């Protein structure tokens, strides 16, 4: 799991914006499913990947309405913030929500 996450995060870091749409579209379904139905480790890894995506391609992703269901994603992250899960998972959810909020805020500027 760690190797997979590091690889995906490396790809996100190195990817050009022209490839962002197809990359996000490919990853989003898996990441969303991991957030909603995965175990703690899977949820944690998905949150880290989403955080990287928001930091690198947040404004691009939010301009492309068809890439991600923003309400569903925000709901999934919010559930993790309010749950009685491990504190490390809530911390990652908080970081992810923060990166998501910055991307949403920059979209409106």
PDB file of N, CA and C in Angstrom:
ATOM      1  N   UNK A   1       0.829  -1.189   0.000  1.00  0.00           N
ATOM      2  CA  UNK A   1       0.000   0.000   0.000  1.00  0.00           C
ATOM      3  C   UNK A   1       0.875   1.255   0.000  1.00  0.00           C
ATOM      4  N   UNK A   2       1.897   1.281   0.822  1.00  0.00           N
ATOM      5  CA  UNK A   2       2.763   2.456   0.890  1.00  0.00           C
ATOM      6  C   UNK A   2       3.465   2.720  -0.434  1.00  0.00           C
ATOM      7  N   UNK A   3       3.925   1.671  -1.093  1.00  0.00           N
ATOM      8  CA  UNK A   3       4.613   1.829  -2.379  1.00  0.00           C
ATOM      9  C   UNK A   3       3.655   2.393  -3.424  1.00  0.00           C
ATOM     10  N   UNK A   4       2.431   1.876  -3.436  1.00  0.00           N
ATOM     11  CA  UNK A   4       1.427   2.370  -4.374  1.00  0.00           C
ATOM     12  C   UNK A   4       1.165   3.859  -4.125  1.00  0.00           C
ATOM     13  N   UNK A   5       0.966   4.225  -2.865  1.00  0.00           N
ATOM     14  CA  UNK A   5       0.683   5.614  -2.530  1.00  0.00           C
ATOM     15  C   UNK A   5       1.839   6.524  -2.915  1.00  0.00           C
ATOM     16  N   UNK A   6       3.055   6.108  -2.611  1.00  0.00           N
ATOM     17  CA  UNK A   6       4.221   6.919  -2.972  1.00  0.00           C
ATOM     18  C   UNK A   6       4.336   7.090  -4.478  1.00  0.00           C
ATOM     19  N   UNK A   7       4.038   6.035  -5.209  1.00  0.00           N
ATOM     20  CA  UNK A   7       4.091   6.109  -6.671  1.00  0.00           C
ATOM     21  C   UNK A   7       3.055   7.089  -7.206  1.00  0.00           C
ATOM     22  N   UNK A   8       1.833   6.973  -6.738  1.00  0.00           N
ATOM     23  CA  UNK A   8       0.769   7.872  -7.194  1.00  0.00           C
ATOM     24  C   UNK A   8       1.094   9.314  -6.814  1.00  0.00           C
ATOM     25  N   UNK A   9       1.572   9.521  -5.608  1.00  0.00           N
ATOM     26  CA  UNK A   9       1.917  10.871  -5.175  1.00  0.00           C
ATOM     27  C   UNK A   9       3.069  11.440  -6.012  1.00  0.00           C
ATOM     28  N   UNK A  10       4.013  10.600  -6.382  1.00  0.00           N
ATOM     29  CA  UNK A  10       5.103  11.034  -7.253  1.00  0.00           C
ATOM     30  C   UNK A  10       4.606  11.431  -8.626  1.00  0.00           C
ATOM     31  N   UNK A  11       3.674  10.670  -9.152  1.00  0.00           N
ATOM     32  CA  UNK A  11       3.082  10.992 -10.459  1.00  0.00           C
ATOM     33  C   UNK A  11       2.341  12.323 -10.389  1.00  0.00           C
ATOM     34  N   UNK A  12       1.616  12.548  -9.316  1.00  0.00           N
ATOM     35  CA  UNK A  12       0.891  13.807  -9.149  1.00  0.00           C
ATOM     36  C   UNK A  12       1.868  14.979  -9.116  1.00  0.00           C
ATOM     37  N   UNK A  13       2.962  14.806  -8.416  1.00  0.00           N
ATOM     38  CA  UNK A  13       3.968  15.863  -8.306  1.00  0.00           C
ATOM     39  C   UNK A  13       4.599  16.196  -9.649  1.00  0.00           C
ATOM     40  N   UNK A  14       4.827  15.181 -10.465  1.00  0.00           N
ATOM     41  CA  UNK A  14       5.535  15.371 -11.734  1.00  0.00           C
ATOM     42  C   UNK A  14       4.619  15.644 -12.925  1.00  0.00           C
ATOM     43  N   UNK A  15       3.324  15.410 -12.786  1.00  0.00           N
ATOM     44  CA  UNK A  15       2.406  15.522 -13.924  1.00  0.00           C
ATOM     45  C   UNK A  15       2.224  16.972 -14.365  1.00  0.00           C
ATOM     46  N   UNK A  16       2.086  17.141 -15.663  1.00  0.00           N
ATOM     47  CA  UNK A  16       1.775  18.455 -16.231  1.00  0.00           C
ATOM     48  C   UNK A  16       0.268  18.669 -16.173  1.00  0.00           C
ATOM     49  N   UNK A  17      -0.130  19.928 -16.211  1.00  0.00           N
ATOM     50  CA  UNK A  17      -1.555  20.242 -16.113  1.00  0.00           C
ATOM     51  C   UNK A  17      -2.359  19.673 -17.279  1.00  0.00           C
ATOM     52  N   UNK A  18      -1.732  19.492 -18.444  1.00  0.00           N
ATOM     53  CA  UNK A  18      -2.451  18.915 -19.588  1.00  0.00           C
ATOM     54  C   UNK A  18      -2.911  17.487 -19.297  1.00  0.00           C
ATOM     55  N   UNK A  19      -2.209  16.791 -18.424  1.00  0.00           N
ATOM     56  CA  UNK A  19      -2.556  15.414 -18.091  1.00  0.00           C
ATOM     57  C   UNK A  19      -3.429  15.311 -16.847  1.00  0.00           C
ATOM     58  N   UNK A  20      -3.636  16.411 -16.173  1.00  0.00           N
ATOM     59  CA  UNK A  20      -4.354  16.389 -14.900  1.00  0.00           C
ATOM     60  C   UNK A  20      -5.774  15.853 -15.038  1.00  0.00           C
ATOM     61  N   UNK A  21      -6.476  16.251 -16.058  1.00  0.00           N
ATOM     62  CA  UNK A  21      -7.870  15.821 -16.226  1.00  0.00           C
ATOM     63  C   UNK A  21      -8.017  14.324 -16.298  1.00  0.00           C
ATOM     64  N   UNK A  22      -7.251  13.690 -17.153  1.00  0.00           N
ATOM     65  CA  UNK A  22      -7.364  12.231 -17.280  1.00  0.00           C
ATOM     66  C   UNK A  22      -6.855  11.523 -16.025  1.00  0.00           C
ATOM     67  N   UNK A  23      -5.828  12.069 -15.395  1.00  0.00           N
ATOM     68  CA  UNK A  23      -5.307  11.460 -14.177  1.00  0.00           C
ATOM     69  C   UNK A  23      -6.338  11.528 -13.045  1.00  0.00           C
ATOM     70  N   UNK A  24      -6.922  12.687 -12.850  1.00  0.00           N
ATOM     71  CA  UNK A  24      -7.913  12.850 -11.782  1.00  0.00           C
ATOM     72  C   UNK A  24      -9.139  12.004 -12.055  1.00  0.00           C
ATOM     73  N   UNK A  25      -9.572  11.975 -13.307  1.00  0.00           N
ATOM     74  CA  UNK A  25     -10.738  11.163 -13.661  1.00  0.00           C
ATOM     75  C   UNK A  25     -10.477   9.687 -13.379  1.00  0.00           C
ATOM     76  N   UNK A  26      -9.275   9.214 -13.673  1.00  0.00           N
ATOM     77  CA  UNK A  26      -8.914   7.823 -13.434  1.00  0.00           C
ATOM     78  C   UNK A  26      -8.851   7.514 -11.944  1.00  0.00           C
ATOM     79  N   UNK A  27      -8.250   8.395 -11.168  1.00  0.00           N
ATOM     80  CA  UNK A  27      -8.041   8.144  -9.744  1.00  0.00           C
ATOM     81  C   UNK A  27      -9.277   8.375  -8.890  1.00  0.00           C
ATOM     82  N   UNK A  28     -10.111   9.335  -9.265  1.00  0.00           N
ATOM     83  CA  UNK A  28     -11.190   9.769  -8.390  1.00  0.00           C
ATOM     84  C   UNK A  28     -12.121   8.649  -7.936  1.00  0.00           C
ATOM     85  N   UNK A  29     -12.551   7.806  -8.830  1.00  0.00           N
ATOM     86  CA  UNK A  29     -13.476   6.731  -8.447  1.00  0.00           C
ATOM     87  C   UNK A  29     -12.892   5.810  -7.397  1.00  0.00           C
ATOM     88  N   UNK A  30     -11.645   5.451  -7.577  1.00  0.00           N
ATOM     89  CA  UNK A  30     -10.969   4.572  -6.619  1.00  0.00           C
ATOM     90  C   UNK A  30     -10.774   5.266  -5.274  1.00  0.00           C
ATOM     91  N   UNK A  31     -10.374   6.534  -5.324  1.00  0.00           N
ATOM     92  CA  UNK A  31     -10.142   7.272  -4.087  1.00  0.00           C
ATOM     93  C   UNK A  31     -11.445   7.499  -3.326  1.00  0.00           C
ATOM     94  N   UNK A  32     -12.492   7.841  -4.048  1.00  0.00           N
ATOM     95  CA  UNK A  32     -13.794   8.062  -3.413  1.00  0.00           C
ATOM     96  C   UNK A  32     -14.285   6.781  -2.743  1.00  0.00           C
ATOM     97  N   UNK A  33     -14.165   5.669  -3.445  1.00  0.00           N
ATOM     98  CA  UNK A  33     -14.579   4.386  -2.885  1.00  0.00           C
ATOM     99  C   UNK A  33     -13.743   4.042  -1.648  1.00  0.00           C
ATOM    100  N   UNK A  34     -12.451   4.327  -1.707  1.00  0.00           N
ATOM    101  CA  UNK A  34     -11.583   4.078  -0.566  1.00  0.00           C
ATOM    102  C   UNK A  34     -11.974   4.905   0.639  1.00  0.00           C
ATOM    103  N   UNK A  35     -12.351   6.172   0.418  1.00  0.00           N
ATOM    104  CA  UNK A  35     -12.779   7.024   1.530  1.00  0.00           C
ATOM    105  C   UNK A  35     -14.071   6.528   2.158  1.00  0.00           C
ATOM    106  N   UNK A  36     -14.966   6.048   1.340  1.00  0.00           N
ATOM    107  CA  UNK A  36     -16.287   5.656   1.831  1.00  0.00           C
ATOM    108  C   UNK A  36     -16.330   4.246   2.400  1.00  0.00           C
ATOM    109  N   UNK A  37     -15.541   3.320   1.848  1.00  0.00           N
ATOM    110  CA  UNK A  37     -15.688   1.918   2.231  1.00  0.00           C
ATOM    111  C   UNK A  37     -14.415   1.236   2.693  1.00  0.00           C
ATOM    112  N   UNK A  38     -13.288   1.915   2.591  1.00  0.00           N
ATOM    113  CA  UNK A  38     -12.014   1.296   2.932  1.00  0.00           C
ATOM    114  C   UNK A  38     -11.782   1.203   4.426  1.00  0.00           C
ATOM    115  N   UNK A  39     -10.766   0.420   4.792  1.00  0.00           N
ATOM    116  CA  UNK A  39     -10.373   0.366   6.188  1.00  0.00           C
ATOM    117  C   UNK A  39      -9.584   1.633   6.527  1.00  0.00           C
ATOM    118  N   UNK A  40      -9.143   1.744   7.749  1.00  0.00           N
ATOM    119  CA  UNK A  40      -8.462   2.954   8.208  1.00  0.00           C
ATOM    120  C   UNK A  40      -7.226   3.273   7.381  1.00  0.00           C
ATOM    121  N   UNK A  41      -6.428   2.268   7.068  1.00  0.00           N
ATOM    122  CA  UNK A  41      -5.217   2.486   6.285  1.00  0.00           C
ATOM    123  C   UNK A  41      -5.549   2.998   4.883  1.00  0.00           C
ATOM    124  N   UNK A  42      -6.533   2.401   4.243  1.00  0.00           N
ATOM    125  CA  UNK A  42      -6.933   2.816   2.902  1.00  0.00           C
ATOM    126  C   UNK A  42      -7.460   4.250   2.929  1.00  0.00           C
ATOM    127  N   UNK A  43      -8.296   4.568   3.907  1.00  0.00           N
ATOM    128  CA  UNK A  43      -8.832   5.927   4.017  1.00  0.00           C
ATOM    129  C   UNK A  43      -7.704   6.933   4.200  1.00  0.00           C
ATOM    130  N   UNK A  44      -6.747   6.583   5.025  1.00  0.00           N
ATOM    131  CA  UNK A  44      -5.612   7.467   5.278  1.00  0.00           C
ATOM    132  C   UNK A  44      -4.818   7.730   4.004  1.00  0.00           C
ATOM    133  N   UNK A  45      -4.540   6.687   3.252  1.00  0.00           N
ATOM    134  CA  UNK A  45      -3.783   6.826   2.004  1.00  0.00           C
ATOM    135  C   UNK A  45      -4.569   7.640   0.979  1.00  0.00           C
ATOM    136  N   UNK A  46      -5.868   7.410   0.883  1.00  0.00           N
ATOM    137  CA  UNK A  46      -6.705   8.164  -0.051  1.00  0.00           C
ATOM    138  C   UNK A  46      -6.716   9.651   0.305  1.00  0.00           C
ATOM    139  N   UNK A  47      -6.788   9.955   1.588  1.00  0.00           N
ATOM    140  CA  UNK A  47      -6.757  11.351   2.022  1.00  0.00           C
ATOM    141  C   UNK A  47      -5.439  12.020   1.646  1.00  0.00           C
ATOM    142  N   UNK A  48      -4.331  11.308   1.809  1.00  0.00           N
ATOM    143  CA  UNK A  48      -3.032  11.871   1.438  1.00  0.00           C
ATOM    144  C   UNK A  48      -2.960  12.162  -0.061  1.00  0.00           C
ATOM    145  N   UNK A  49      -3.469  11.237  -0.866  1.00  0.00           N
ATOM    146  CA  UNK A  49      -3.444  11.437  -2.318  1.00  0.00           C
ATOM    147  C   UNK A  49      -4.345  12.607  -2.713  1.00  0.00           C
ATOM    148  N   UNK A  50      -5.552  12.661  -2.143  1.00  0.00           N
ATOM    149  CA  UNK A  50      -6.445  13.789  -2.436  1.00  0.00           C
ATOM    150  C   UNK A  50      -5.801  15.116  -2.026  1.00  0.00           C
ATOM    151  N   UNK A  51      -5.129  15.142  -0.878  1.00  0.00           N
ATOM    152  CA  UNK A  51      -4.472  16.366  -0.434  1.00  0.00           C
ATOM    153  C   UNK A  51      -3.454  16.824  -1.466  1.00  0.00           C
ATOM    154  N   UNK A  52      -2.668  15.898  -1.983  1.00  0.00           N
ATOM    155  CA  UNK A  52      -1.689  16.244  -3.013  1.00  0.00           C
ATOM    156  C   UNK A  52      -2.366  16.747  -4.284  1.00  0.00           C
ATOM    157  N   UNK A  53      -3.457  16.110  -4.663  1.00  0.00           N
ATOM    158  CA  UNK A  53      -4.192  16.540  -5.862  1.00  0.00           C
ATOM    159  C   UNK A  53      -4.720  17.963  -5.670  1.00  0.00           C
ATOM    160  N   UNK A  54      -5.298  18.244  -4.505  1.00  0.00           N
ATOM    161  CA  UNK A  54      -5.838  19.583  -4.263  1.00  0.00           C
ATOM    162  C   UNK A  54      -4.738  20.634  -4.277  1.00  0.00           C
ATOM    163  N   UNK A  55      -3.611  20.308  -3.678  1.00  0.00           N
ATOM    164  CA  UNK A  55      -2.508  21.276  -3.634  1.00  0.00           C
ATOM    165  C   UNK A  55      -1.957  21.548  -5.024  1.00  0.00           C
ATOM    166  N   UNK A  56      -1.846  20.515  -5.828  1.00  0.00           N
ATOM    167  CA  UNK A  56      -1.213  20.651  -7.153  1.00  0.00           C
ATOM    168  C   UNK A  56      -2.202  21.094  -8.227  1.00  0.00           C
ATOM    169  N   UNK A  57      -3.408  20.527  -8.216  1.00  0.00           N
ATOM    170  CA  UNK A  57      -4.367  20.760  -9.299  1.00  0.00           C
ATOM    171  C   UNK A  57      -5.740  21.223  -8.806  1.00  0.00           C
ATOM    172  N   UNK A  58      -5.801  21.802  -7.630  1.00  0.00           N
ATOM    173  CA  UNK A  58      -7.088  22.183  -7.046  1.00  0.00           C
ATOM    174  C   UNK A  58      -7.906  23.109  -7.925  1.00  0.00           C
ATOM    175  N   UNK A  59      -7.302  24.179  -8.376  1.00  0.00           N
ATOM    176  CA  UNK A  59      -8.042  25.145  -9.199  1.00  0.00           C
ATOM    177  C   UNK A  59      -8.472  24.515 -10.518  1.00  0.00           C
ATOM    178  N   UNK A  60      -7.592  23.733 -11.121  1.00  0.00           N
ATOM    179  CA  UNK A  60      -7.929  23.046 -12.373  1.00  0.00           C
ATOM    180  C   UNK A  60      -9.096  22.091 -12.157  1.00  0.00           C
ATOM    181  N   UNK A  61      -9.020  21.307 -11.089  1.00  0.00           N
ATOM    182  CA  UNK A  61     -10.044  20.308 -10.806  1.00  0.00           C
ATOM    183  C   UNK A  61     -11.406  20.955 -10.582  1.00  0.00           C
ATOM    184  N   UNK A  62     -11.425  22.065  -9.905  1.00  0.00           N
ATOM    185  CA  UNK A  62     -12.694  22.706  -9.607  1.00  0.00           C
ATOM    186  C   UNK A  62     -13.285  23.438 -10.806  1.00  0.00           C
ATOM    187  N   UNK A  63     -12.438  23.802 -11.778  1.00  0.00           N
ATOM    188  CA  UNK A  63     -12.952  24.390 -13.031  1.00  0.00           C
ATOM    189  C   UNK A  63     -13.608  23.322 -13.894  1.00  0.00           C
ATOM    190  N   UNK A  64     -13.157  22.099 -13.756  1.00  0.00           N
ATOM    191  CA  UNK A  64     -13.676  20.979 -14.543  1.00  0.00           C
ATOM    192  C   UNK A  64     -14.749  20.262 -13.723  1.00  0.00           C
ATOM    193  N   UNK A  65     -15.982  20.694 -13.830  1.00  0.00           N
ATOM    194  CA  UNK A  65     -17.063  20.180 -12.996  1.00  0.00           C
ATOM    195  C   UNK A  65     -17.319  18.691 -13.152  1.00  0.00           C
ATOM    196  N   UNK A  66     -16.980  18.125 -14.291  1.00  0.00           N
ATOM    197  CA  UNK A  66     -17.289  16.718 -14.525  1.00  0.00           C
ATOM    198  C   UNK A  66     -16.263  15.764 -13.921  1.00  0.00           C
ATOM    199  N   UNK A  67     -15.140  16.274 -13.434  1.00  0.00           N
ATOM    200  CA  UNK A  67     -14.097  15.392 -12.902  1.00  0.00           C
ATOM    201  C   UNK A  67     -14.463  14.792 -11.552  1.00  0.00           C
ATOM    202  N   UNK A  68     -15.009  15.603 -10.673  1.00  0.00           N
ATOM    203  CA  UNK A  68     -15.244  15.183  -9.290  1.00  0.00           C
ATOM    204  C   UNK A  68     -16.589  15.718  -8.823  1.00  0.00           C
ATOM    205  N   UNK A  69     -17.322  14.881  -8.101  1.00  0.00           N
ATOM    206  CA  UNK A  69     -18.544  15.338  -7.435  1.00  0.00           C
ATOM    207  C   UNK A  69     -18.096  15.995  -6.127  1.00  0.00           C
ATOM    208  N   UNK A  70     -17.987  17.305  -6.143  1.00  0.00           N
ATOM    209  CA  UNK A  70     -17.420  18.046  -5.010  1.00  0.00           C
ATOM    210  C   UNK A  70     -18.238  17.873  -3.733  1.00  0.00           C
ATOM    211  N   UNK A  71     -19.554  17.834  -3.859  1.00  0.00           N
ATOM    212  CA  UNK A  71     -20.406  17.671  -2.673  1.00  0.00           C
ATOM    213  C   UNK A  71     -20.219  16.296  -2.044  1.00  0.00           C
ATOM    214  N   UNK A  72     -20.147  15.271  -2.867  1.00  0.00           N
ATOM    215  CA  UNK A  72     -19.935  13.916  -2.354  1.00  0.00           C
ATOM    216  C   UNK A  72     -18.568  13.803  -1.682  1.00  0.00           C
ATOM    217  N   UNK A  73     -17.569  14.403  -2.304  1.00  0.00           N
ATOM    218  CA  UNK A  73     -16.222  14.367  -1.743  1.00  0.00           C
ATOM    219  C   UNK A  73     -16.166  15.126  -0.419  1.00  0.00           C
ATOM    220  N   UNK A  74     -16.753  16.303  -0.374  1.00  0.00           N
ATOM    221  CA  UNK A  74     -16.755  17.070   0.865  1.00  0.00           C
ATOM    222  C   UNK A  74     -17.497  16.318   1.968  1.00  0.00           C
ATOM    223  N   UNK A  75     -18.571  15.659   1.612  1.00  0.00           N
ATOM    224  CA  UNK A  75     -19.330  14.882   2.581  1.00  0.00           C
ATOM    225  C   UNK A  75     -18.499  13.726   3.139  1.00  0.00           C
ATOM    226  N   UNK A  76     -17.779  13.026   2.259  1.00  0.00           N
ATOM    227  CA  UNK A  76     -16.961  11.891   2.699  1.00  0.00           C
ATOM    228  C   UNK A  76     -15.850  12.348   3.643  1.00  0.00           C
ATOM    229  N   UNK A  77     -15.243  13.474   3.339  1.00  0.00           N
ATOM    230  CA  UNK A  77     -14.179  14.001   4.204  1.00  0.00           C
ATOM    231  C   UNK A  77     -14.774  14.480   5.522  1.00  0.00           C
ATOM    232  N   UNK A  78     -15.929  15.133   5.472  1.00  0.00           N
ATOM    233  CA  UNK A  78     -16.586  15.629   6.682  1.00  0.00           C
ATOM    234  C   UNK A  78     -16.966  14.493   7.628  1.00  0.00           C
ATOM    235  N   UNK A  79     -17.411  13.389   7.070  1.00  0.00           N
ATOM    236  CA  UNK A  79     -17.759  12.224   7.898  1.00  0.00           C
ATOM    237  C   UNK A  79     -16.542  11.752   8.682  1.00  0.00           C
ATOM    238  N   UNK A  80     -15.393  11.739   8.020  1.00  0.00           N
ATOM    239  CA  UNK A  80     -14.169  11.303   8.703  1.00  0.00           C
ATOM    240  C   UNK A  80     -13.743  12.306   9.776  1.00  0.00           C
ATOM    241  N   UNK A  81     -13.978  13.579   9.542  1.00  0.00           N
ATOM    242  CA  UNK A  81     -13.638  14.594  10.541  1.00  0.00           C
ATOM    243  C   UNK A  81     -14.470  14.447  11.807  1.00  0.00           C
ATOM    244  N   UNK A  82     -15.718  14.071  11.634  1.00  0.00           N
ATOM    245  CA  UNK A  82     -16.625  13.975  12.781  1.00  0.00           C
ATOM    246  C   UNK A  82     -16.733  12.598  13.387  1.00  0.00           C
ATOM    247  N   UNK A  83     -16.020  11.645  12.844  1.00  0.00           N
ATOM    248  CA  UNK A  83     -16.161  10.270  13.331  1.00  0.00           C
ATOM    249  C   UNK A  83     -15.291  10.006  14.553  1.00  0.00           C
ATOM    250  N   UNK A  84     -15.522   8.899  15.162  1.00  0.00           N
ATOM    251  CA  UNK A  84     -14.751   8.473  16.327  1.00  0.00           C
ATOM    252  C   UNK A  84     -13.627   7.535  15.914  1.00  0.00           C
ATOM    253  N   UNK A  85     -12.995   7.831  14.804  1.00  0.00           N
ATOM    254  CA  UNK A  85     -11.898   7.003  14.301  1.00  0.00           C
ATOM    255  C   UNK A  85     -10.580   7.449  14.924  1.00  0.00           C
ATOM    256  N   UNK A  86      -9.513   6.839  14.495  1.00  0.00           N
ATOM    257  CA  UNK A  86      -8.195   7.169  15.026  1.00  0.00           C
ATOM    258  C   UNK A  86      -7.890   8.642  14.825  1.00  0.00           C
ATOM    259  N   UNK A  87      -7.159   9.195  15.757  1.00  0.00           N
ATOM    260  CA  UNK A  87      -6.827  10.619  15.701  1.00  0.00           C
ATOM    261  C   UNK A  87      -5.970  10.941  14.484  1.00  0.00           C
ATOM    262  N   UNK A  88      -5.105  10.013  14.066  1.00  0.00           N
ATOM    263  CA  UNK A  88      -4.261  10.256  12.887  1.00  0.00           C
ATOM    264  C   UNK A  88      -5.108  10.364  11.624  1.00  0.00           C
ATOM    265  N   UNK A  89      -6.181   9.599  11.546  1.00  0.00           N
ATOM    266  CA  UNK A  89      -7.074   9.668  10.388  1.00  0.00           C
ATOM    267  C   UNK A  89      -7.829  10.995  10.383  1.00  0.00           C
ATOM    268  N   UNK A  90      -8.278  11.441  11.532  1.00  0.00           N
ATOM    269  CA  UNK A  90      -8.957  12.744  11.605  1.00  0.00           C
ATOM    270  C   UNK A  90      -8.001  13.875  11.246  1.00  0.00           C
ATOM    271  N   UNK A  91      -6.738  13.741  11.643  1.00  0.00           N
ATOM    272  CA  UNK A  91      -5.741  14.757  11.303  1.00  0.00           C
ATOM    273  C   UNK A  91      -5.554  14.820   9.793  1.00  0.00           C
ATOM    274  N   UNK A  92      -5.442  13.665   9.132  1.00  0.00           N
ATOM    275  CA  UNK A  92      -5.297  13.652   7.670  1.00  0.00           C
ATOM    276  C   UNK A  92      -6.543  14.209   6.990  1.00  0.00           C
ATOM    277  N   UNK A  93      -7.717  13.888   7.540  1.00  0.00           N
ATOM    278  CA  UNK A  93      -8.964  14.425   6.989  1.00  0.00           C
ATOM    279  C   UNK A  93      -8.992  15.950   7.130  1.00  0.00           C
ATOM    280  N   UNK A  94      -8.497  16.448   8.236  1.00  0.00           N
ATOM    281  CA  UNK A  94      -8.430  17.893   8.452  1.00  0.00           C
ATOM    282  C   UNK A  94      -7.485  18.555   7.451  1.00  0.00           C
ATOM    283  N   UNK A  95      -6.330  17.953   7.216  1.00  0.00           N
ATOM    284  CA  UNK A  95      -5.382  18.489   6.243  1.00  0.00           C
ATOM    285  C   UNK A  95      -5.969  18.466   4.833  1.00  0.00           C
ATOM    286  N   UNK A  96      -6.656  17.387   4.516  1.00  0.00           N
ATOM    287  CA  UNK A  96      -7.272  17.253   3.197  1.00  0.00           C
ATOM    288  C   UNK A  96      -8.369  18.311   3.009  1.00  0.00           C
ATOM    289  N   UNK A  97      -9.202  18.479   4.029  1.00  0.00           N
ATOM    290  CA  UNK A  97     -10.269  19.475   3.947  1.00  0.00           C
ATOM    291  C   UNK A  97      -9.677  20.878   3.816  1.00  0.00           C
ATOM    292  N   UNK A  98      -8.568  21.127   4.495  1.00  0.00           N
ATOM    293  CA  UNK A  98      -7.906  22.424   4.389  1.00  0.00           C
ATOM    294  C   UNK A  98      -7.416  22.693   2.968  1.00  0.00           C
ATOM    295  N   UNK A  99      -6.794  21.686   2.356  1.00  0.00           N
ATOM    296  CA  UNK A  99      -6.323  21.838   0.976  1.00  0.00           C
ATOM    297  C   UNK A  99      -7.501  22.011   0.022  1.00  0.00           C
ATOM    298  N   UNK A 100      -8.588  21.307   0.275  1.00  0.00           N
ATOM    299  CA  UNK A 100      -9.791  21.411  -0.532  1.00  0.00           C
ATOM    300  C   UNK A 100     -10.389  22.816  -0.390  1.00  0.00           C
ATOM    301  N   UNK A 101     -10.416  23.341   0.834  1.00  0.00           N
ATOM    302  CA  UNK A 101     -10.977  24.673   1.090  1.00  0.00           C
ATOM    303  C   UNK A 101     -10.147  25.755   0.394  1.00  0.00           C
ATOM    304  N   UNK A 102      -8.824  25.620   0.420  1.00  0.00           N
ATOM    305  CA  UNK A 102      -7.975  26.597  -0.258  1.00  0.00           C
ATOM    306  C   UNK A 102      -8.245  26.582  -1.752  1.00  0.00           C
ATOM    307  N   UNK A 103      -8.413  25.394  -2.323  1.00  0.00           N
ATOM    308  CA  UNK A 103      -8.713  25.295  -3.753  1.00  0.00           C
ATOM    309  C   UNK A 103     -10.080  25.907  -4.056  1.00  0.00           C
ATOM    310  N   UNK A 104     -11.063  25.644  -3.207  1.00  0.00           N
ATOM    311  CA  UNK A 104     -12.393  26.236  -3.409  1.00  0.00           C
ATOM    312  C   UNK A 104     -12.320  27.744  -3.299  1.00  0.00           C
ATOM    313  N   UNK A 105     -11.573  28.243  -2.323  1.00  0.00           N
ATOM    314  CA  UNK A 105     -11.440  29.673  -2.117  1.00  0.00           C
ATOM    315  C   UNK A 105     -10.743  30.342  -3.292  1.00  0.00           C
ATOM    316  N   UNK A 106      -9.683  29.713  -3.815  1.00  0.00           N
ATOM    317  CA  UNK A 106      -8.972  30.311  -4.939  1.00  0.00           C
ATOM    318  C   UNK A 106      -9.828  30.314  -6.204  1.00  0.00           C
ATOM    319  N   UNK A 107     -10.760  29.411  -6.303  1.00  0.00           N
ATOM    320  CA  UNK A 107     -11.669  29.353  -7.440  1.00  0.00           C
ATOM    321  C   UNK A 107     -12.573  30.583  -7.468  1.00  0.00           C
ATOM    322  N   UNK A 108     -12.909  31.084  -6.294  1.00  0.00           N
ATOM    323  CA  UNK A 108     -13.844  32.198  -6.227  1.00  0.00           C
ATOM    324  C   UNK A 108     -13.153  33.555  -6.309  1.00  0.00           C
ATOM    325  N   UNK A 109     -11.830  33.584  -6.267  1.00  0.00           N
ATOM    326  CA  UNK A 109     -11.101  34.862  -6.330  1.00  0.00           C
ATOM    327  C   UNK A 109     -11.065  35.414  -7.734  1.00  0.00           C
TER     328      UNK A 109
END
